[in-house]
N, C-alpha and C. Protein backbone atom coordinates (compact mmCIF):
# COMPACT_ATOMS: atom_id res chain seq x y z
N ASN A 1 6.34 -13.33 -17.43
CA ASN A 1 5.67 -12.65 -18.52
C ASN A 1 5.64 -11.13 -18.27
N LEU A 2 5.21 -10.39 -19.24
CA LEU A 2 5.25 -8.92 -19.16
C LEU A 2 4.37 -8.35 -18.07
N ASP A 3 3.18 -8.93 -17.88
CA ASP A 3 2.28 -8.43 -16.85
C ASP A 3 2.89 -8.61 -15.46
N GLN A 4 3.53 -9.75 -15.25
CA GLN A 4 4.17 -10.02 -13.96
C GLN A 4 5.31 -9.02 -13.73
N GLN A 5 6.11 -8.76 -14.75
CA GLN A 5 7.20 -7.79 -14.65
C GLN A 5 6.65 -6.40 -14.35
N PHE A 6 5.56 -6.05 -15.00
CA PHE A 6 4.93 -4.76 -14.77
C PHE A 6 4.49 -4.62 -13.31
N LEU A 7 3.79 -5.64 -12.80
CA LEU A 7 3.33 -5.60 -11.41
C LEU A 7 4.51 -5.53 -10.44
N GLU A 8 5.57 -6.29 -10.71
CA GLU A 8 6.76 -6.25 -9.85
C GLU A 8 7.37 -4.85 -9.84
N LYS A 9 7.39 -4.20 -10.99
CA LYS A 9 7.92 -2.83 -11.09
C LYS A 9 7.07 -1.87 -10.26
N VAL A 10 5.75 -1.99 -10.38
CA VAL A 10 4.84 -1.11 -9.63
C VAL A 10 5.00 -1.35 -8.13
N VAL A 11 5.07 -2.61 -7.72
CA VAL A 11 5.27 -2.93 -6.30
C VAL A 11 6.58 -2.34 -5.79
N GLU A 12 7.62 -2.45 -6.60
CA GLU A 12 8.93 -1.90 -6.22
C GLU A 12 8.85 -0.38 -6.03
N ILE A 13 8.17 0.30 -6.93
CA ILE A 13 8.00 1.76 -6.83
C ILE A 13 7.25 2.09 -5.54
N ILE A 14 6.19 1.35 -5.25
CA ILE A 14 5.40 1.59 -4.04
C ILE A 14 6.26 1.35 -2.79
N GLU A 15 6.97 0.23 -2.77
CA GLU A 15 7.80 -0.12 -1.61
C GLU A 15 8.90 0.91 -1.38
N ASP A 16 9.44 1.45 -2.45
CA ASP A 16 10.50 2.46 -2.33
C ASP A 16 9.96 3.78 -1.77
N ASN A 17 8.65 3.96 -1.80
CA ASN A 17 8.03 5.21 -1.36
C ASN A 17 7.04 5.01 -0.22
N LEU A 18 7.17 3.90 0.51
CA LEU A 18 6.22 3.59 1.58
C LEU A 18 6.09 4.70 2.61
N ASP A 19 7.19 5.29 2.99
CA ASP A 19 7.15 6.29 4.07
C ASP A 19 6.82 7.68 3.56
N ASN A 20 6.59 7.81 2.27
CA ASN A 20 6.27 9.10 1.67
C ASN A 20 4.74 9.27 1.63
N GLY A 21 4.21 10.05 2.54
CA GLY A 21 2.77 10.26 2.61
C GLY A 21 2.20 10.99 1.40
N ASP A 22 3.04 11.71 0.67
CA ASP A 22 2.59 12.48 -0.50
C ASP A 22 2.62 11.67 -1.79
N PHE A 23 3.15 10.47 -1.70
CA PHE A 23 3.25 9.57 -2.85
C PHE A 23 1.85 9.25 -3.36
N ASP A 24 1.66 9.27 -4.68
CA ASP A 24 0.32 9.01 -5.22
C ASP A 24 0.37 8.29 -6.57
N VAL A 25 -0.80 8.07 -7.12
CA VAL A 25 -0.95 7.35 -8.39
C VAL A 25 -0.19 8.04 -9.52
N SER A 26 -0.22 9.36 -9.55
CA SER A 26 0.46 10.10 -10.62
C SER A 26 1.95 9.81 -10.64
N TYR A 27 2.53 9.64 -9.45
CA TYR A 27 3.96 9.34 -9.36
C TYR A 27 4.26 7.99 -10.02
N ILE A 28 3.44 6.99 -9.73
CA ILE A 28 3.63 5.66 -10.34
C ILE A 28 3.44 5.75 -11.85
N ALA A 29 2.37 6.43 -12.27
CA ALA A 29 2.06 6.54 -13.69
C ALA A 29 3.25 7.16 -14.45
N GLU A 30 3.83 8.17 -13.84
CA GLU A 30 4.99 8.83 -14.46
C GLU A 30 6.17 7.87 -14.57
N LYS A 31 6.40 7.07 -13.53
CA LYS A 31 7.53 6.13 -13.51
C LYS A 31 7.37 4.98 -14.50
N VAL A 32 6.13 4.60 -14.80
CA VAL A 32 5.92 3.50 -15.75
C VAL A 32 5.46 4.01 -17.12
N TYR A 33 5.57 5.33 -17.30
CA TYR A 33 5.28 5.97 -18.60
C TYR A 33 3.86 5.69 -19.09
N MET A 34 2.90 5.90 -18.19
CA MET A 34 1.49 5.71 -18.54
C MET A 34 0.69 6.89 -18.01
N SER A 35 -0.49 7.08 -18.56
CA SER A 35 -1.41 8.06 -17.98
C SER A 35 -2.04 7.40 -16.75
N ASN A 36 -2.62 8.22 -15.89
CA ASN A 36 -3.29 7.69 -14.69
C ASN A 36 -4.38 6.70 -15.07
N SER A 37 -5.16 7.04 -16.12
CA SER A 37 -6.27 6.17 -16.50
C SER A 37 -5.79 4.85 -17.10
N THR A 38 -4.71 4.88 -17.87
CA THR A 38 -4.16 3.65 -18.43
C THR A 38 -3.60 2.77 -17.31
N LEU A 39 -2.91 3.40 -16.37
CA LEU A 39 -2.38 2.67 -15.22
C LEU A 39 -3.53 2.03 -14.44
N TYR A 40 -4.59 2.79 -14.20
CA TYR A 40 -5.75 2.27 -13.47
C TYR A 40 -6.31 1.03 -14.17
N ARG A 41 -6.52 1.12 -15.49
CA ARG A 41 -7.09 -0.01 -16.24
C ARG A 41 -6.17 -1.23 -16.18
N LYS A 42 -4.88 -1.00 -16.29
CA LYS A 42 -3.90 -2.10 -16.26
C LYS A 42 -3.90 -2.78 -14.89
N ILE A 43 -3.80 -1.99 -13.83
CA ILE A 43 -3.78 -2.55 -12.47
C ILE A 43 -5.12 -3.25 -12.17
N LYS A 44 -6.22 -2.61 -12.52
CA LYS A 44 -7.55 -3.18 -12.27
C LYS A 44 -7.69 -4.50 -13.02
N GLY A 45 -7.21 -4.53 -14.25
CA GLY A 45 -7.29 -5.74 -15.06
C GLY A 45 -6.46 -6.88 -14.49
N LEU A 46 -5.30 -6.56 -13.94
CA LEU A 46 -4.39 -7.60 -13.43
C LEU A 46 -4.71 -8.03 -12.00
N THR A 47 -5.22 -7.11 -11.19
CA THR A 47 -5.39 -7.41 -9.76
C THR A 47 -6.85 -7.40 -9.30
N GLY A 48 -7.71 -6.77 -10.08
CA GLY A 48 -9.11 -6.68 -9.69
C GLY A 48 -9.41 -5.52 -8.74
N VAL A 49 -8.38 -4.73 -8.40
CA VAL A 49 -8.58 -3.58 -7.52
C VAL A 49 -8.04 -2.32 -8.18
N SER A 50 -8.49 -1.17 -7.70
CA SER A 50 -8.02 0.10 -8.25
C SER A 50 -6.56 0.33 -7.86
N THR A 51 -5.92 1.29 -8.51
CA THR A 51 -4.53 1.60 -8.20
C THR A 51 -4.38 2.04 -6.75
N ASN A 52 -5.29 2.90 -6.29
CA ASN A 52 -5.22 3.35 -4.89
C ASN A 52 -5.38 2.19 -3.91
N GLU A 53 -6.29 1.30 -4.21
CA GLU A 53 -6.51 0.13 -3.35
C GLU A 53 -5.27 -0.77 -3.36
N PHE A 54 -4.64 -0.91 -4.53
CA PHE A 54 -3.42 -1.71 -4.66
C PHE A 54 -2.31 -1.13 -3.78
N ILE A 55 -2.14 0.19 -3.85
CA ILE A 55 -1.14 0.87 -3.02
C ILE A 55 -1.46 0.64 -1.54
N ARG A 56 -2.73 0.82 -1.18
CA ARG A 56 -3.15 0.67 0.22
C ARG A 56 -2.87 -0.74 0.72
N LYS A 57 -3.15 -1.75 -0.11
CA LYS A 57 -2.93 -3.15 0.29
C LYS A 57 -1.44 -3.41 0.54
N ILE A 58 -0.59 -2.87 -0.29
CA ILE A 58 0.85 -3.06 -0.10
C ILE A 58 1.31 -2.35 1.17
N ARG A 59 0.81 -1.14 1.39
CA ARG A 59 1.17 -0.41 2.62
C ARG A 59 0.70 -1.18 3.86
N LEU A 60 -0.51 -1.70 3.81
CA LEU A 60 -1.04 -2.46 4.95
C LEU A 60 -0.23 -3.73 5.19
N LYS A 61 0.16 -4.41 4.11
CA LYS A 61 0.95 -5.62 4.24
C LYS A 61 2.28 -5.32 4.93
N HIS A 62 2.90 -4.20 4.57
CA HIS A 62 4.17 -3.83 5.18
C HIS A 62 3.98 -3.39 6.63
N SER A 63 2.87 -2.70 6.91
CA SER A 63 2.63 -2.30 8.30
C SER A 63 2.39 -3.55 9.16
N LEU A 64 1.74 -4.56 8.59
CA LEU A 64 1.53 -5.81 9.30
C LEU A 64 2.86 -6.48 9.63
N LYS A 65 3.78 -6.48 8.65
CA LYS A 65 5.12 -7.05 8.89
C LYS A 65 5.84 -6.32 10.01
N LEU A 66 5.71 -4.98 10.02
CA LEU A 66 6.35 -4.19 11.09
C LEU A 66 5.75 -4.55 12.45
N LEU A 67 4.44 -4.70 12.51
CA LEU A 67 3.79 -5.09 13.76
C LEU A 67 4.23 -6.50 14.19
N GLN A 68 4.31 -7.40 13.22
CA GLN A 68 4.71 -8.79 13.51
C GLN A 68 6.14 -8.86 14.04
N SER A 69 6.98 -7.94 13.60
CA SER A 69 8.37 -7.96 14.03
C SER A 69 8.50 -7.68 15.53
N GLY A 70 7.48 -7.01 16.10
CA GLY A 70 7.51 -6.69 17.52
C GLY A 70 8.37 -5.48 17.85
N ASP A 71 8.97 -4.88 16.84
CA ASP A 71 9.87 -3.74 17.06
C ASP A 71 9.15 -2.40 17.02
N TYR A 72 7.90 -2.39 16.54
CA TYR A 72 7.19 -1.13 16.34
C TYR A 72 5.78 -1.21 16.91
N ASN A 73 5.30 -0.09 17.41
CA ASN A 73 3.91 -0.04 17.87
C ASN A 73 3.01 0.34 16.69
N VAL A 74 1.72 0.42 16.96
CA VAL A 74 0.74 0.69 15.90
C VAL A 74 1.01 2.03 15.21
N THR A 75 1.23 3.06 16.00
CA THR A 75 1.47 4.40 15.43
C THR A 75 2.71 4.42 14.56
N GLU A 76 3.80 3.82 15.06
CA GLU A 76 5.04 3.79 14.28
C GLU A 76 4.86 3.04 12.97
N SER A 77 4.20 1.89 13.02
CA SER A 77 4.03 1.10 11.80
C SER A 77 3.14 1.84 10.80
N ALA A 78 2.16 2.59 11.30
CA ALA A 78 1.29 3.37 10.41
C ALA A 78 2.09 4.47 9.71
N TYR A 79 2.82 5.26 10.49
CA TYR A 79 3.58 6.37 9.89
C TYR A 79 4.69 5.88 8.97
N MET A 80 5.31 4.76 9.32
CA MET A 80 6.40 4.22 8.50
C MET A 80 5.91 3.69 7.16
N THR A 81 4.62 3.46 7.04
CA THR A 81 4.08 2.95 5.78
C THR A 81 3.18 3.98 5.09
N GLY A 82 3.32 5.24 5.48
CA GLY A 82 2.67 6.32 4.75
C GLY A 82 1.26 6.68 5.19
N PHE A 83 0.79 6.09 6.28
CA PHE A 83 -0.53 6.46 6.81
C PHE A 83 -0.34 7.59 7.81
N ASN A 84 -0.82 8.76 7.48
CA ASN A 84 -0.65 9.92 8.35
C ASN A 84 -1.87 10.19 9.22
N ASN A 85 -2.95 9.45 8.97
CA ASN A 85 -4.19 9.61 9.72
C ASN A 85 -4.47 8.28 10.41
N MET A 86 -4.36 8.28 11.74
CA MET A 86 -4.51 7.02 12.49
C MET A 86 -5.91 6.41 12.36
N ALA A 87 -6.93 7.24 12.37
CA ALA A 87 -8.30 6.72 12.25
C ALA A 87 -8.47 6.01 10.91
N TYR A 88 -7.96 6.62 9.86
CA TYR A 88 -8.02 6.02 8.52
C TYR A 88 -7.22 4.72 8.48
N TYR A 89 -6.04 4.72 9.09
CA TYR A 89 -5.19 3.52 9.13
C TYR A 89 -5.93 2.37 9.83
N ARG A 90 -6.52 2.67 10.99
CA ARG A 90 -7.24 1.63 11.74
C ARG A 90 -8.42 1.09 10.93
N GLU A 91 -9.13 1.99 10.27
CA GLU A 91 -10.27 1.60 9.44
C GLU A 91 -9.82 0.67 8.30
N CYS A 92 -8.75 1.05 7.61
CA CYS A 92 -8.23 0.24 6.50
C CYS A 92 -7.71 -1.11 7.00
N PHE A 93 -7.00 -1.10 8.12
CA PHE A 93 -6.44 -2.32 8.69
C PHE A 93 -7.56 -3.29 9.04
N LYS A 94 -8.59 -2.77 9.69
CA LYS A 94 -9.72 -3.61 10.10
C LYS A 94 -10.44 -4.18 8.87
N LYS A 95 -10.61 -3.36 7.85
CA LYS A 95 -11.26 -3.81 6.62
C LYS A 95 -10.45 -4.93 5.95
N GLU A 96 -9.13 -4.79 5.96
CA GLU A 96 -8.26 -5.76 5.30
C GLU A 96 -8.08 -7.05 6.11
N TYR A 97 -7.89 -6.92 7.43
CA TYR A 97 -7.53 -8.08 8.25
C TYR A 97 -8.58 -8.51 9.27
N GLY A 98 -9.70 -7.75 9.35
CA GLY A 98 -10.79 -8.16 10.23
C GLY A 98 -10.66 -7.77 11.68
N VAL A 99 -9.52 -7.23 12.06
CA VAL A 99 -9.32 -6.77 13.44
C VAL A 99 -8.58 -5.44 13.41
N LEU A 100 -8.69 -4.68 14.49
CA LEU A 100 -7.93 -3.44 14.59
C LEU A 100 -6.46 -3.78 14.84
N PRO A 101 -5.53 -2.91 14.45
CA PRO A 101 -4.11 -3.21 14.64
C PRO A 101 -3.76 -3.50 16.10
N SER A 102 -4.37 -2.77 17.04
CA SER A 102 -4.08 -3.02 18.46
C SER A 102 -4.57 -4.39 18.90
N GLU A 103 -5.72 -4.82 18.36
CA GLU A 103 -6.24 -6.16 18.66
C GLU A 103 -5.34 -7.22 18.05
N TYR A 104 -4.80 -6.94 16.88
CA TYR A 104 -3.91 -7.89 16.20
C TYR A 104 -2.68 -8.17 17.04
N LEU A 105 -2.17 -7.12 17.69
CA LEU A 105 -0.96 -7.26 18.48
C LEU A 105 -1.15 -8.15 19.72
N LYS A 106 -2.39 -8.25 20.19
CA LYS A 106 -2.65 -9.00 21.44
C LYS A 106 -2.61 -10.52 21.24
């Protein structure tokens, strides 16, 4: 359906820009031809979370995959998924998965 296609498009845009720390909501809104507020309402309505939270969840999911691969350490996985502040990354990771990234690796 259209909502599923829309979400897949947004996820694709986010995934294509994972390593871009300057990537933001306005960039997505521009790519899907919506205002920031319309995009927010659409994402919130479909997922129950804000656009920023949606982006953060996708980034965290990809950083988790990088950690699971065993090829990257915590810092590398954070930077490769657009987290430029390690304290913020650890805080978000712990909030999402219940443990710090370093604890997850153990």
